[in-house]
Structure formats: C-alpha cells, structure tokens
Amino acid sequence: MAVEVKRDGAVAVVTVVRPEVRNALNRATNEELLRVARELARDAAVRAVVLTGAGEKAFVAGADIAEFRGLTPEQARQSSWLGRKVIEAIEGSPQPWIAAVNGFALGGGCELALGCDIRFAADNARFGQPEVGLGITPGWGGTQRLPREVGNGWASYLCLSGRLIDAAEARRIGLVQAVFPAAELQAEALKLARELAARPPLAVRYIKSQIHHALNVDIEAGHEIERDLFALTFASDDAGEGMDAFLEKREPKGFTGT
C-alpha cells in the first residue's frame, strides 16, 4: 500500500509511502489517496487529519515523471483530472486537513499541500512548481491555488522560473503557516490536529466551508453563505453547550456534532 492511515483518537494520520521515489505520486497512489480521502470524509469518528510523507527527505516530491513520460495529451488530461479530484476531496471533506511537510514538496506535492487547510513545514522543507523545466505546466491546480494563497507575483515567480524556495521563505510569503525543527514537526502537527478535533465538529465543518467559498464566490454571495451557516449552528446542541460553558466559566463537557 502506497498510502498508510493510522488513527490517534479522533485524528487520522495519512502518510504517502513511496520513499524509494521520494513519495512521488503515480496514478495508483493518487487513486489510493482519493479513496482514503473519501472514506475519511464519511467517518464521523475522525475530526481532523494530518497528511505527511514517509521518511525524512520528502513530503511528496511531485508526480512520478517515469509514468508521465510518454503520456498522450488525453492521458495527461486524465492525470490532471485525477490529481484535481484528490485535492478537491481533501478540500471538500468536513474535517480540517493539516499538511506536515517534512521535506520536498514539489510540483504535485506542492499542489497536494495547497489542498490542505493548514500547512506546517519542517525547517528543511523545500517548495516549488518546477514543471516548466520539463517542458510542461502545473496540472493539478498549482496555477490556480498558488495565486489565491501567495498572490500573482509569487505564483508567477515559482511557476515560470521553476525555482525552489526554503521553508523560511514559504512562511514569509504565506505558503505555510508555521515552521518547526524537523524532529518536532509531526508532534506539532498532531498537537494542532488534536486541538481542532476537540472543537465542535459542526462549527468546524461550516467554518471550513465558509472559507472555501470565500475564494470562489463574490463577497456578497459569501456573506449569504456565512449568514445561513451561522444561523444553522444555533440549532445545534454543541452551540448550547459551548455558550453555557462560557457563561458558567467552565470547560465544555464535550461536543457531539449535533
């Protein structure tokens, strides 16, 4: 299996396991990732997900170029479709996904990390969209998600030059939210995942949806979505417990997602 899933309470840890090729994504691995993402999305017991790569060198070093070589244009289109579906499954899941970028995140690896809600990086991580050097373009959303995260200038720089940036630069431009020593990355990602898993799952789901829609609709439509989901939370048991705990100056007794 090229994708490993382990449970840690309400947290699922998803690991791409192809260390012999720096966890590069071939078709079979993408199909497995898509299946895993969809299964986790349906699992109410999972409230947060950490995504990482096996070993110490790479998160995901990109697509498997050995498989890419010789693709016809139609096969390349299908590869783009599959990669996009994987990332859309992560974006569309009710749980927050945290990318623990533990090394190279290049091409498809950078695009995969961009699909996650929050990105933590090891201090030895490196990011880039080097496809131009192969005579091709990003195909799994890099030219679309990067501008939304870091602006057109940085997206153009990374995609047109094919240059790599280190974790500190990725943090400075907003590509990642935090950088940690490599030995501490997994623990920090799990710490945040457990914190998010303890939050009211309905509110977490709606917040994720609201933020996602903010990038895809005009602000008036976004306000309408926010208003409706805000109102719906008031029908939940979790909202009652959360506000009662605040008013009574105590910790919530637990959130059920209802």
Protein backbone atom coordinates (compact mmCIF):
# COMPACT_ATOMS: atom_id res chain seq x y z
CA MET A 1 0.00 0.00 0.00
CA ALA A 2 1.38 3.38 -1.01
CA VAL A 3 -0.90 5.24 1.40
CA GLU A 4 -0.94 4.40 5.10
CA VAL A 5 -3.67 5.52 7.51
CA LYS A 6 -3.22 5.41 11.28
CA ARG A 7 -5.68 6.55 13.93
CA ASP A 8 -4.77 8.56 17.00
CA GLY A 9 -8.08 9.02 18.79
CA ALA A 10 -10.16 11.38 16.66
CA VAL A 11 -7.16 12.20 14.46
CA ALA A 12 -6.21 10.27 11.31
CA VAL A 13 -2.62 10.41 10.06
CA VAL A 14 -2.33 9.79 6.32
CA THR A 15 1.18 9.02 5.03
CA VAL A 16 2.30 8.66 1.42
CA VAL A 17 4.72 5.73 1.48
CA ARG A 18 6.94 5.61 -1.61
CA PRO A 19 10.29 6.63 -0.10
CA GLU A 20 12.26 4.98 -2.91
CA VAL A 21 10.99 7.76 -5.25
CA ARG A 22 10.66 10.45 -2.57
CA ASN A 23 6.93 9.70 -2.31
CA ALA A 24 6.24 10.74 -5.90
CA LEU A 25 2.62 10.33 -6.94
CA ASN A 26 1.78 7.87 -9.69
CA ARG A 27 -1.74 7.03 -10.82
CA ALA A 28 -2.16 4.15 -8.37
CA THR A 29 -1.10 6.32 -5.43
CA ASN A 30 -3.47 9.10 -6.44
CA GLU A 31 -6.32 6.61 -6.73
CA GLU A 32 -5.49 5.35 -3.25
CA LEU A 33 -5.34 8.88 -1.86
CA LEU A 34 -8.72 9.64 -3.41
CA ARG A 35 -10.26 6.54 -1.86
CA VAL A 36 -8.76 7.35 1.56
CA ALA A 37 -9.90 10.99 1.47
CA ARG A 38 -13.45 9.99 0.58
CA GLU A 39 -13.57 7.27 3.26
CA LEU A 40 -12.30 9.63 5.96
CA ALA A 41 -14.82 12.28 4.92
CA ARG A 42 -17.61 9.80 5.71
CA ASP A 43 -16.16 8.76 9.07
CA ALA A 44 -17.75 10.83 11.83
CA ALA A 45 -15.22 9.48 14.34
CA VAL A 46 -12.42 11.31 12.50
CA ARG A 47 -12.39 15.00 13.31
CA ALA A 48 -9.01 16.09 11.94
CA VAL A 49 -6.43 14.69 9.51
CA VAL A 50 -2.66 15.07 9.26
CA LEU A 51 -1.11 14.42 5.83
CA THR A 52 2.61 13.70 5.51
CA GLY A 53 5.22 11.68 3.60
CA ALA A 54 7.31 8.71 4.65
CA GLY A 55 10.96 9.23 5.52
CA GLU A 56 12.94 12.37 6.21
CA LYS A 57 13.61 13.67 2.69
CA ALA A 58 10.24 14.32 1.13
CA PHE A 59 6.62 15.14 1.76
CA VAL A 60 5.80 14.42 -1.88
CA ALA A 61 8.50 15.22 -4.43
CA GLY A 62 5.97 15.60 -7.23
CA ALA A 63 4.37 13.41 -9.83
CA ASP A 64 6.11 10.24 -10.96
CA ILE A 65 7.89 11.51 -14.09
CA ALA A 66 8.74 7.96 -15.18
CA GLU A 67 4.99 7.42 -15.51
CA PHE A 68 4.45 10.82 -17.14
CA ARG A 69 6.97 10.15 -19.90
CA GLY A 70 5.12 9.03 -22.99
CA LEU A 71 1.61 10.06 -21.91
CA THR A 72 -0.63 11.15 -24.74
CA PRO A 73 -2.43 14.50 -24.38
CA GLU A 74 -5.63 12.65 -23.47
CA GLN A 75 -3.83 10.56 -20.85
CA ALA A 76 -2.28 13.75 -19.46
CA ARG A 77 -5.78 15.25 -19.25
CA GLN A 78 -6.91 12.22 -17.26
CA SER A 79 -3.92 12.57 -14.93
CA SER A 80 -4.83 16.21 -14.35
CA TRP A 81 -8.43 15.21 -13.65
CA LEU A 82 -7.40 12.57 -11.09
CA GLY A 83 -4.94 14.85 -9.29
CA ARG A 84 -7.59 17.54 -9.12
CA LYS A 85 -10.14 15.09 -7.71
CA VAL A 86 -7.75 14.08 -4.92
CA ILE A 87 -7.22 17.69 -3.90
CA GLU A 88 -10.92 18.53 -4.20
CA ALA A 89 -11.75 15.55 -1.96
CA ILE A 90 -9.43 16.99 0.69
CA GLU A 91 -10.85 20.49 0.30
CA GLY A 92 -14.43 19.20 0.38
CA SER A 93 -14.05 16.94 3.40
CA PRO A 94 -15.76 18.05 6.62
CA GLN A 95 -12.56 17.63 8.63
CA PRO A 96 -9.65 20.07 8.63
CA TRP A 97 -6.54 18.64 6.95
CA ILE A 98 -3.08 19.68 8.14
CA ALA A 99 -0.13 19.14 5.81
CA ALA A 100 3.02 18.21 7.75
CA VAL A 101 5.58 19.00 5.05
CA ASN A 102 8.65 17.05 6.09
CA GLY A 103 10.91 17.64 3.08
CA PHE A 104 10.49 18.29 -0.63
CA ALA A 105 7.00 19.44 -1.72
CA LEU A 106 7.45 19.93 -5.44
CA GLY A 107 5.01 20.03 -8.33
CA GLY A 108 2.17 17.70 -7.42
CA GLY A 109 3.47 17.62 -3.84
CA CYS A 110 3.16 21.39 -3.50
CA GLU A 111 -0.28 21.20 -5.11
CA LEU A 112 -1.31 18.46 -2.67
CA ALA A 113 -0.20 20.58 0.28
CA LEU A 114 -2.15 23.54 -1.15
CA GLY A 115 -5.31 21.45 -0.91
CA CYS A 116 -4.91 21.19 2.86
CA ASP A 117 -6.45 23.77 5.18
CA ILE A 118 -3.26 24.42 7.17
CA ARG A 119 0.37 23.77 6.27
CA PHE A 120 3.20 23.19 8.74
CA ALA A 121 6.73 22.71 7.43
CA ALA A 122 9.97 21.26 8.74
CA ASP A 123 12.87 23.68 8.60
CA ASN A 124 14.46 21.52 5.89
CA ALA A 125 11.37 21.55 3.65
CA ARG A 126 11.54 22.99 0.15
CA PHE A 127 8.70 24.05 -2.10
CA GLY A 128 8.33 24.66 -5.81
CA GLN A 129 6.50 24.15 -9.08
CA PRO A 130 9.38 23.01 -11.33
CA GLU A 131 7.24 21.65 -14.18
CA VAL A 132 8.39 24.35 -16.61
CA GLY A 133 11.85 22.77 -16.63
CA LEU A 134 10.28 19.60 -18.03
CA GLY A 135 8.50 21.49 -20.77
CA ILE A 136 5.09 21.12 -19.13
CA THR A 137 2.85 23.19 -16.87
CA PRO A 138 1.43 22.51 -13.40
CA GLY A 139 -1.59 20.29 -13.93
CA TRP A 140 -3.09 19.58 -10.52
CA GLY A 141 -4.13 23.11 -9.54
CA GLY A 142 -0.82 24.87 -8.96
CA THR A 143 -1.56 27.82 -11.24
CA GLN A 144 -4.96 28.24 -9.61
CA ARG A 145 -4.37 27.71 -5.90
CA LEU A 146 -0.96 29.36 -5.61
CA PRO A 147 -2.22 32.84 -6.66
CA ARG A 148 -5.02 32.54 -4.11
CA GLU A 149 -2.53 31.72 -1.36
CA VAL A 150 0.51 33.87 -2.16
CA GLY A 151 -0.61 36.32 -4.87
CA ASN A 152 0.02 36.51 -8.59
CA GLY A 153 3.61 37.71 -8.31
CA TRP A 154 4.89 34.83 -6.21
CA ALA A 155 2.80 32.30 -8.14
CA SER A 156 4.29 33.60 -11.40
CA TYR A 157 7.81 33.53 -9.96
CA LEU A 158 7.52 29.94 -8.77
CA CYS A 159 5.73 28.56 -11.82
CA LEU A 160 7.65 30.46 -14.51
CA SER A 161 11.14 30.10 -13.05
CA GLY A 162 10.76 26.60 -11.62
CA ARG A 163 12.94 27.71 -8.71
CA LEU A 164 12.59 26.22 -5.24
CA ILE A 165 12.15 28.14 -2.01
CA ASP A 166 13.02 27.03 1.50
CA ALA A 167 10.66 26.76 4.46
CA ALA A 168 11.53 30.19 5.84
CA GLU A 169 10.67 31.86 2.54
CA ALA A 170 7.49 29.78 2.26
CA ARG A 171 6.49 31.04 5.71
CA ARG A 172 7.28 34.63 4.78
CA ILE A 173 5.05 34.60 1.69
CA GLY A 174 2.19 32.78 3.43
CA LEU A 175 2.55 29.42 1.72
CA VAL A 176 2.91 27.75 5.13
CA GLN A 177 1.61 28.85 8.49
CA ALA A 178 4.47 27.67 10.71
CA VAL A 179 7.97 26.18 10.51
CA PHE A 180 9.43 23.78 13.08
CA PRO A 181 12.65 21.83 13.53
CA ALA A 182 12.27 18.60 11.56
CA ALA A 183 12.29 16.48 14.72
CA GLU A 184 9.33 18.45 16.12
CA LEU A 185 7.14 18.72 13.02
CA GLN A 186 4.99 15.62 13.48
CA ALA A 187 4.35 16.34 17.15
CA GLU A 188 3.34 19.92 16.39
CA ALA A 189 1.00 18.84 13.60
CA LEU A 190 -0.60 16.24 15.86
CA LYS A 191 -0.92 18.80 18.65
CA LEU A 192 -2.88 21.14 16.41
CA ALA A 193 -4.92 18.26 14.96
CA ARG A 194 -5.98 17.14 18.44
CA GLU A 195 -6.90 20.71 19.31
CA LEU A 196 -9.07 21.02 16.19
CA ALA A 197 -10.57 17.57 16.80
CA ALA A 198 -11.79 18.78 20.19
CA ARG A 199 -13.66 21.70 18.65
CA PRO A 200 -17.39 21.43 17.84
CA PRO A 201 -17.36 19.40 14.58
CA LEU A 202 -20.40 21.10 13.06
CA ALA A 203 -18.92 24.56 13.58
CA VAL A 204 -15.55 23.35 12.23
CA ARG A 205 -17.24 21.92 9.14
CA TYR A 206 -19.17 25.13 8.49
CA ILE A 207 -16.12 27.36 9.02
CA LYS A 208 -14.12 25.27 6.54
CA SER A 209 -16.97 25.54 4.04
CA GLN A 210 -17.29 29.30 4.53
CA ILE A 211 -13.59 29.90 3.99
CA HIS A 212 -13.54 27.69 0.90
CA HIS A 213 -16.49 29.54 -0.59
CA ALA A 214 -14.79 32.89 0.11
CA LEU A 215 -12.23 32.02 -2.56
CA ASN A 216 -14.79 31.03 -5.16
CA VAL A 217 -17.72 33.47 -4.93
CA ASP A 218 -18.07 37.24 -4.75
CA ILE A 219 -18.20 38.79 -1.31
CA GLU A 220 -21.98 39.30 -1.28
CA ALA A 221 -22.61 35.62 -2.04
CA GLY A 222 -20.00 34.75 0.59
CA HIS A 223 -21.84 36.83 3.18
CA GLU A 224 -25.07 35.00 2.35
CA ILE A 225 -23.39 31.62 2.86
CA GLU A 226 -21.82 32.79 6.11
CA ARG A 227 -25.13 34.13 7.40
CA ASP A 228 -27.00 30.90 6.65
CA LEU A 229 -24.40 28.60 8.20
CA PHE A 230 -24.04 30.91 11.21
CA ALA A 231 -27.79 30.64 11.74
CA LEU A 232 -27.77 26.86 11.40
CA THR A 233 -25.22 26.46 14.21
CA PHE A 234 -27.75 27.93 16.64
CA ALA A 235 -29.92 24.83 16.16
CA SER A 236 -27.09 22.57 17.39
CA ASP A 237 -26.60 21.04 20.83
CA ASP A 238 -22.93 21.98 20.57
CA ALA A 239 -23.77 25.69 20.42
CA GLY A 240 -25.89 25.38 23.57
CA GLU A 241 -23.14 23.56 25.43
CA GLY A 242 -20.42 25.91 24.20
CA MET A 243 -22.27 29.05 25.28
CA ASP A 244 -23.43 27.54 28.58
CA ALA A 245 -19.84 26.59 29.40
CA PHE A 246 -18.68 30.14 28.60
CA LEU A 247 -21.36 31.75 30.75
CA GLU A 248 -20.77 29.30 33.61
CA LYS A 249 -16.98 29.78 33.38
CA ARG A 250 -16.24 26.07 32.90
CA GLU A 251 -14.79 23.80 30.25
CA PRO A 252 -17.31 22.33 27.77
CA LYS A 253 -18.37 18.79 28.67
CA GLY A 254 -17.74 17.64 25.12
CA PHE A 255 -19.05 18.27 21.64
CA THR A 256 -21.09 15.67 19.77
CA GLY A 257 -21.53 17.24 16.35
CA THR A 258 -25.27 17.60 16.84
